[in-house]
Amino acid sequence: MLAKIYYKLTYLLANRLPRLLINPYERLINSIAHDLVRPASKGWSVVIISGADDLIMLEKVLSSIDQELANTSAEIILIAPASLRLSKKFVLPIKHCPYRDISFLPPLITHKKNLGVRLAQYDKVVLCHDYLLFQAGWKAAWDNFGDDFDVASNQVLRQDGTRLLDWTVCDYPDLGFALLPYSKHANDYQYLSGSYFVVKRDFYLANPLDDYRRWGEGEDIEWSKRVRQKTIFQFNPSAVVISAKFKAPDPEAWLANSLKLSQQLELV
């Protein structure tokens, strides 16, 4: 009993208490004027969160977006360190929002994403990490899909073509995490990975991520559970992004759960 109390006190003093003080400070030094949010125009804002650790990969991602959205109503919003210097030129306007991390804590990923959406001037926002390559036909697929959604996703694949958390449940009864068949919905249990999703700007501003959750603290799970009570997640099977970074295969348990889920839903 004493050991358990000691552990909880140590965790509180070493982890939670410092964050209660540091999180407001980090938000303060990385704030933007409230009047930057303005009525949305029709178009695309792509918000990319990057630590600028791999400039070559980041510029490949930016090029893939540029190829799809150049000469359209679109922009890229890059939340990255102030030291970032891009070596390539792009057609799309790129808004670089310099961000100062607290080096000894995991990134305050939620505040970064919330900042990016507040800066967006267009009505459709893509929130994604800095290793996802937009594939040819991405924009045409979304043009065909239309605007009748609040939150949506599309195919997110590994380099070998296997799926990467693109259409997923997180708390399905007796299964937990599993890949959902593209043709099926299970909105009461669905989860959208924070690495990539599409959202209407004003819907997101009304339902932002928890501004105090850092990377690894389940911010996307909490957000998915909260938001799925207010809307129906949508899926666009024709648009594709591919990870430029190696991602390990799903655990065998996930694969087994995905098969069970598919079989159960076929019976519905």
Protein backbone atom coordinates (compact mmCIF):
# COMPACT_ATOMS: atom_id res chain seq x y z
CA MET A 1 0.00 0.00 0.00
CA LEU A 2 2.79 2.45 0.93
CA ALA A 3 4.61 1.62 -2.28
CA LYS A 4 1.49 2.39 -4.32
CA ILE A 5 0.98 5.72 -2.53
CA TYR A 6 4.65 6.58 -3.05
CA TYR A 7 4.37 5.79 -6.77
CA LYS A 8 1.28 7.96 -7.19
CA LEU A 9 2.85 10.89 -5.34
CA THR A 10 6.07 10.57 -7.35
CA TYR A 11 4.10 10.50 -10.61
CA LEU A 12 2.08 13.55 -9.57
CA LEU A 13 5.12 15.58 -8.55
CA ALA A 14 7.31 14.52 -11.48
CA ASN A 15 4.71 14.52 -14.24
CA ARG A 16 1.30 16.03 -13.69
CA LEU A 17 2.14 18.99 -11.46
CA PRO A 18 4.90 20.41 -13.73
CA ARG A 19 2.56 20.14 -16.71
CA LEU A 20 -0.15 22.09 -14.92
CA LEU A 21 2.35 24.94 -14.78
CA ILE A 22 4.17 24.41 -18.08
CA ASN A 23 1.22 23.83 -20.40
CA PRO A 24 -0.25 27.34 -19.92
CA TYR A 25 3.22 28.81 -20.42
CA GLU A 26 3.76 26.91 -23.69
CA ARG A 27 0.35 27.99 -24.94
CA LEU A 28 1.16 31.60 -24.05
CA ILE A 29 4.45 31.71 -25.96
CA ASN A 30 2.81 30.01 -28.97
CA SER A 31 -0.37 32.03 -29.27
CA ILE A 32 -1.90 33.96 -32.15
CA ALA A 33 -4.21 36.95 -32.19
CA HIS A 34 -7.84 35.94 -31.68
CA ASP A 35 -8.93 38.06 -34.64
CA LEU A 36 -7.03 35.86 -37.10
CA VAL A 37 -10.07 33.59 -37.41
CA ARG A 38 -12.28 34.97 -40.20
CA PRO A 39 -15.16 33.66 -42.32
CA ALA A 40 -14.01 30.66 -44.33
CA SER A 41 -13.67 30.73 -48.11
CA LYS A 42 -14.26 27.69 -50.31
CA GLY A 43 -11.05 25.71 -50.65
CA TRP A 44 -8.45 23.63 -48.86
CA SER A 45 -6.13 24.40 -45.95
CA VAL A 46 -3.58 21.66 -45.28
CA VAL A 47 -2.19 21.89 -41.75
CA ILE A 48 1.08 20.02 -41.28
CA ILE A 49 2.67 19.45 -37.89
CA SER A 50 6.43 18.97 -38.18
CA GLY A 51 9.46 18.85 -35.97
CA ALA A 52 11.54 19.51 -39.12
CA ASP A 53 13.67 16.44 -38.35
CA ASP A 54 13.75 15.26 -41.96
CA LEU A 55 13.72 18.17 -44.41
CA ILE A 56 13.94 15.91 -47.49
CA MET A 57 10.84 13.97 -46.46
CA LEU A 58 8.97 17.14 -45.52
CA GLU A 59 9.67 18.72 -48.90
CA LYS A 60 8.47 15.57 -50.67
CA VAL A 61 5.22 15.85 -48.73
CA LEU A 62 4.89 19.53 -49.60
CA SER A 63 5.57 18.76 -53.27
CA SER A 64 2.86 16.08 -53.32
CA ILE A 65 0.34 18.56 -51.91
CA ASP A 66 1.52 21.25 -54.30
CA GLN A 67 1.00 18.96 -57.29
CA GLU A 68 -2.59 18.26 -56.24
CA LEU A 69 -3.69 21.74 -55.16
CA ALA A 70 -1.52 24.21 -57.09
CA ASN A 71 -3.48 26.97 -58.84
CA THR A 72 -6.58 26.25 -56.76
CA SER A 73 -7.99 27.96 -53.68
CA ALA A 74 -5.64 26.29 -51.23
CA GLU A 75 -2.83 26.85 -48.78
CA ILE A 76 -0.38 24.94 -46.61
CA ILE A 77 -0.03 25.87 -42.95
CA LEU A 78 3.20 24.54 -41.48
CA ILE A 79 3.53 24.39 -37.70
CA ALA A 80 7.27 23.90 -37.26
CA PRO A 81 10.34 25.27 -35.46
CA ALA A 82 11.39 28.82 -36.27
CA SER A 83 14.70 27.49 -37.59
CA LEU A 84 12.99 25.68 -40.50
CA ARG A 85 14.32 26.78 -43.89
CA LEU A 86 12.84 25.17 -47.00
CA SER A 87 15.18 24.71 -49.94
CA LYS A 88 12.44 24.31 -52.59
CA LYS A 89 9.90 26.74 -53.98
CA PHE A 90 6.22 25.87 -54.21
CA VAL A 91 3.24 27.26 -56.09
CA LEU A 92 0.93 27.07 -53.10
CA PRO A 93 1.32 29.72 -50.40
CA ILE A 94 2.94 28.27 -47.30
CA LYS A 95 2.25 29.89 -43.95
CA HIS A 96 5.05 28.95 -41.59
CA CYS A 97 3.87 29.31 -37.99
CA PRO A 98 7.03 29.11 -35.83
CA TYR A 99 6.50 26.98 -32.75
CA ARG A 100 8.65 26.75 -29.61
CA ASP A 101 8.51 23.33 -27.95
CA ILE A 102 9.35 22.60 -24.33
CA SER A 103 12.33 20.35 -24.97
CA PHE A 104 12.00 18.06 -21.93
CA LEU A 105 8.32 17.21 -22.52
CA PRO A 106 6.53 15.42 -25.37
CA PRO A 107 5.13 17.86 -27.97
CA LEU A 108 1.90 19.66 -27.08
CA ILE A 109 0.45 18.27 -30.29
CA THR A 110 -3.12 19.37 -29.63
CA HIS A 111 -2.23 23.04 -29.26
CA LYS A 112 -0.24 22.88 -32.50
CA LYS A 113 -3.21 21.48 -34.41
CA ASN A 114 -5.63 23.93 -32.84
CA LEU A 115 -3.32 26.80 -33.84
CA GLY A 116 -3.13 25.51 -37.40
CA VAL A 117 -6.89 25.39 -37.82
CA ARG A 118 -7.30 28.86 -36.33
CA LEU A 119 -4.94 30.12 -39.04
CA ALA A 120 -6.85 28.37 -41.85
CA GLN A 121 -8.73 30.58 -44.29
CA TYR A 122 -10.53 27.80 -46.21
CA ASP A 123 -13.56 25.73 -45.27
CA LYS A 124 -12.00 22.27 -45.66
CA VAL A 125 -8.97 21.44 -43.54
CA VAL A 126 -6.60 18.49 -43.75
CA LEU A 127 -4.73 17.83 -40.52
CA CYS A 128 -1.73 15.62 -41.14
CA HIS A 129 1.75 14.76 -40.04
CA ASP A 130 4.85 15.47 -42.08
CA TYR A 131 5.37 12.02 -43.64
CA LEU A 132 2.15 11.52 -45.63
CA LEU A 133 2.38 11.85 -49.41
CA PHE A 134 -0.75 12.90 -51.30
CA GLN A 135 -1.24 10.58 -54.28
CA ALA A 136 -2.22 11.66 -57.79
CA GLY A 137 -5.97 12.17 -58.04
CA TRP A 138 -6.41 13.10 -54.38
CA LYS A 139 -8.17 16.39 -55.14
CA ALA A 140 -10.31 14.93 -57.93
CA ALA A 141 -11.44 12.21 -55.53
CA TRP A 142 -12.52 14.82 -52.99
CA ASP A 143 -14.19 16.94 -55.66
CA ASN A 144 -16.26 13.88 -56.58
CA PHE A 145 -16.95 13.10 -52.92
CA GLY A 146 -18.45 16.52 -52.31
CA ASP A 147 -18.79 18.71 -49.25
CA ASP A 148 -21.49 16.87 -47.31
CA PHE A 149 -19.43 15.95 -44.24
CA ASP A 150 -18.12 17.36 -40.97
CA VAL A 151 -15.27 14.91 -40.37
CA ALA A 152 -13.89 12.40 -42.85
CA SER A 153 -10.91 10.32 -43.84
CA ASN A 154 -9.60 8.49 -46.89
CA GLN A 155 -7.19 5.65 -47.59
CA VAL A 156 -3.96 5.98 -45.59
CA LEU A 157 -1.49 3.30 -46.65
CA ARG A 158 1.97 2.00 -45.86
CA GLN A 159 4.48 1.77 -48.67
CA ASP A 160 3.59 -1.91 -49.12
CA GLY A 161 -0.08 -1.02 -49.67
CA THR A 162 -1.38 -2.21 -46.31
CA ARG A 163 -3.74 0.05 -44.38
CA LEU A 164 -2.50 2.46 -41.72
CA LEU A 165 -5.26 3.41 -39.25
CA ASP A 166 -7.41 5.01 -41.91
CA TRP A 167 -10.92 3.77 -40.98
CA THR A 168 -10.88 2.30 -37.52
CA VAL A 169 -12.78 1.43 -34.38
CA CYS A 170 -11.17 1.80 -30.96
CA ASP A 171 -13.68 0.40 -28.47
CA TYR A 172 -15.83 -2.04 -30.40
CA PRO A 173 -17.48 -4.52 -27.98
CA ASP A 174 -15.28 -7.56 -27.25
CA LEU A 175 -12.73 -6.42 -29.88
CA GLY A 176 -11.30 -3.01 -29.06
CA PHE A 177 -9.08 -1.70 -31.87
CA ALA A 178 -9.69 -2.99 -35.39
CA LEU A 179 -9.71 -1.83 -39.00
CA LEU A 180 -13.23 -1.19 -40.25
CA PRO A 181 -14.11 -2.31 -43.80
CA TYR A 182 -14.23 0.74 -46.09
CA SER A 183 -17.85 0.05 -46.99
CA LYS A 184 -19.05 -0.12 -43.38
CA HIS A 185 -19.82 2.37 -40.60
CA ALA A 186 -19.77 1.77 -36.84
CA ASN A 187 -19.96 5.37 -35.71
CA ASP A 188 -20.61 4.60 -32.04
CA TYR A 189 -17.16 3.01 -31.81
CA GLN A 190 -15.12 4.78 -34.48
CA TYR A 191 -11.76 6.45 -34.13
CA LEU A 192 -9.85 8.73 -36.49
CA SER A 193 -6.09 8.73 -36.09
CA GLY A 194 -4.54 12.11 -35.31
CA SER A 195 -1.96 11.50 -38.03
CA TYR A 196 -4.49 12.31 -40.79
CA PHE A 197 -8.09 13.38 -41.16
CA VAL A 198 -10.22 15.90 -43.06
CA VAL A 199 -12.57 18.26 -41.25
CA LYS A 200 -14.71 21.30 -41.92
CA ARG A 201 -12.91 24.26 -40.39
CA ASP A 202 -15.85 25.73 -38.50
CA PHE A 203 -16.89 22.33 -37.14
CA TYR A 204 -13.37 21.84 -35.80
CA LEU A 205 -13.25 25.31 -34.27
CA ALA A 206 -16.44 24.45 -32.39
CA ASN A 207 -14.99 21.07 -31.37
CA PRO A 208 -11.21 21.44 -31.03
CA LEU A 209 -8.77 18.92 -29.65
CA ASP A 210 -8.16 19.08 -25.91
CA ASP A 211 -5.58 21.87 -25.86
CA TYR A 212 -3.67 20.37 -22.94
CA ARG A 213 -2.95 16.85 -24.21
CA ARG A 214 0.56 16.06 -25.30
CA TRP A 215 1.75 13.49 -27.82
CA GLY A 216 1.08 9.96 -26.59
CA GLU A 217 -1.73 10.97 -24.24
CA GLY A 218 -4.55 9.64 -26.43
CA GLU A 219 -5.65 13.03 -27.73
CA ASP A 220 -7.13 11.56 -30.91
CA ILE A 221 -9.03 8.86 -29.01
CA GLU A 222 -10.56 11.42 -26.64
CA TRP A 223 -11.46 13.69 -29.57
CA SER A 224 -12.98 10.86 -31.63
CA LYS A 225 -15.16 9.70 -28.76
CA ARG A 226 -16.35 13.25 -28.11
CA VAL A 227 -16.96 14.25 -31.73
CA ARG A 228 -18.64 11.05 -32.90
CA GLN A 229 -21.54 11.95 -30.58
CA LYS A 230 -22.16 15.07 -32.67
CA THR A 231 -21.69 13.89 -36.26
CA ILE A 232 -21.29 10.85 -38.53
CA PHE A 233 -17.74 10.15 -39.67
CA GLN A 234 -17.46 9.80 -43.45
CA PHE A 235 -14.97 7.90 -45.61
CA ASN A 236 -13.72 8.67 -49.12
CA PRO A 237 -12.33 5.41 -50.57
CA SER A 238 -11.02 7.03 -53.76
CA ALA A 239 -8.49 9.47 -52.24
CA VAL A 240 -5.15 8.07 -51.08
CA VAL A 241 -2.18 9.21 -49.03
CA ILE A 242 0.89 7.02 -48.46
CA SER A 243 3.36 7.08 -45.59
CA ALA A 244 6.88 8.03 -46.64
CA LYS A 245 8.10 6.77 -43.25
CA PHE A 246 8.39 3.10 -42.34
CA LYS A 247 5.49 2.01 -40.17
CA ALA A 248 5.55 -1.39 -38.51
CA PRO A 249 2.82 -3.88 -39.44
CA ASP A 250 -0.25 -4.02 -37.25
CA PRO A 251 -0.04 -6.45 -34.31
CA GLU A 252 -1.45 -9.91 -34.98
CA ALA A 253 -4.22 -9.23 -32.46
CA TRP A 254 -5.34 -6.20 -34.48
CA LEU A 255 -5.40 -8.22 -37.69
CA ALA A 256 -7.45 -10.93 -35.99
CA ASN A 257 -9.84 -8.33 -34.59
CA SER A 258 -10.21 -6.74 -38.02
CA LEU A 259 -11.16 -10.08 -39.54
CA LYS A 260 -13.69 -10.74 -36.76
CA LEU A 261 -15.16 -7.26 -37.16
CA SER A 262 -15.53 -7.70 -40.91
CA GLN A 263 -17.26 -11.05 -40.42
CA GLN A 264 -19.62 -9.63 -37.79
CA LEU A 265 -20.59 -6.65 -39.92
CA GLU A 266 -21.28 -8.83 -42.94
CA LEU A 267 -23.99 -10.52 -40.88
CA VAL A 268 -25.70 -7.22 -40.05
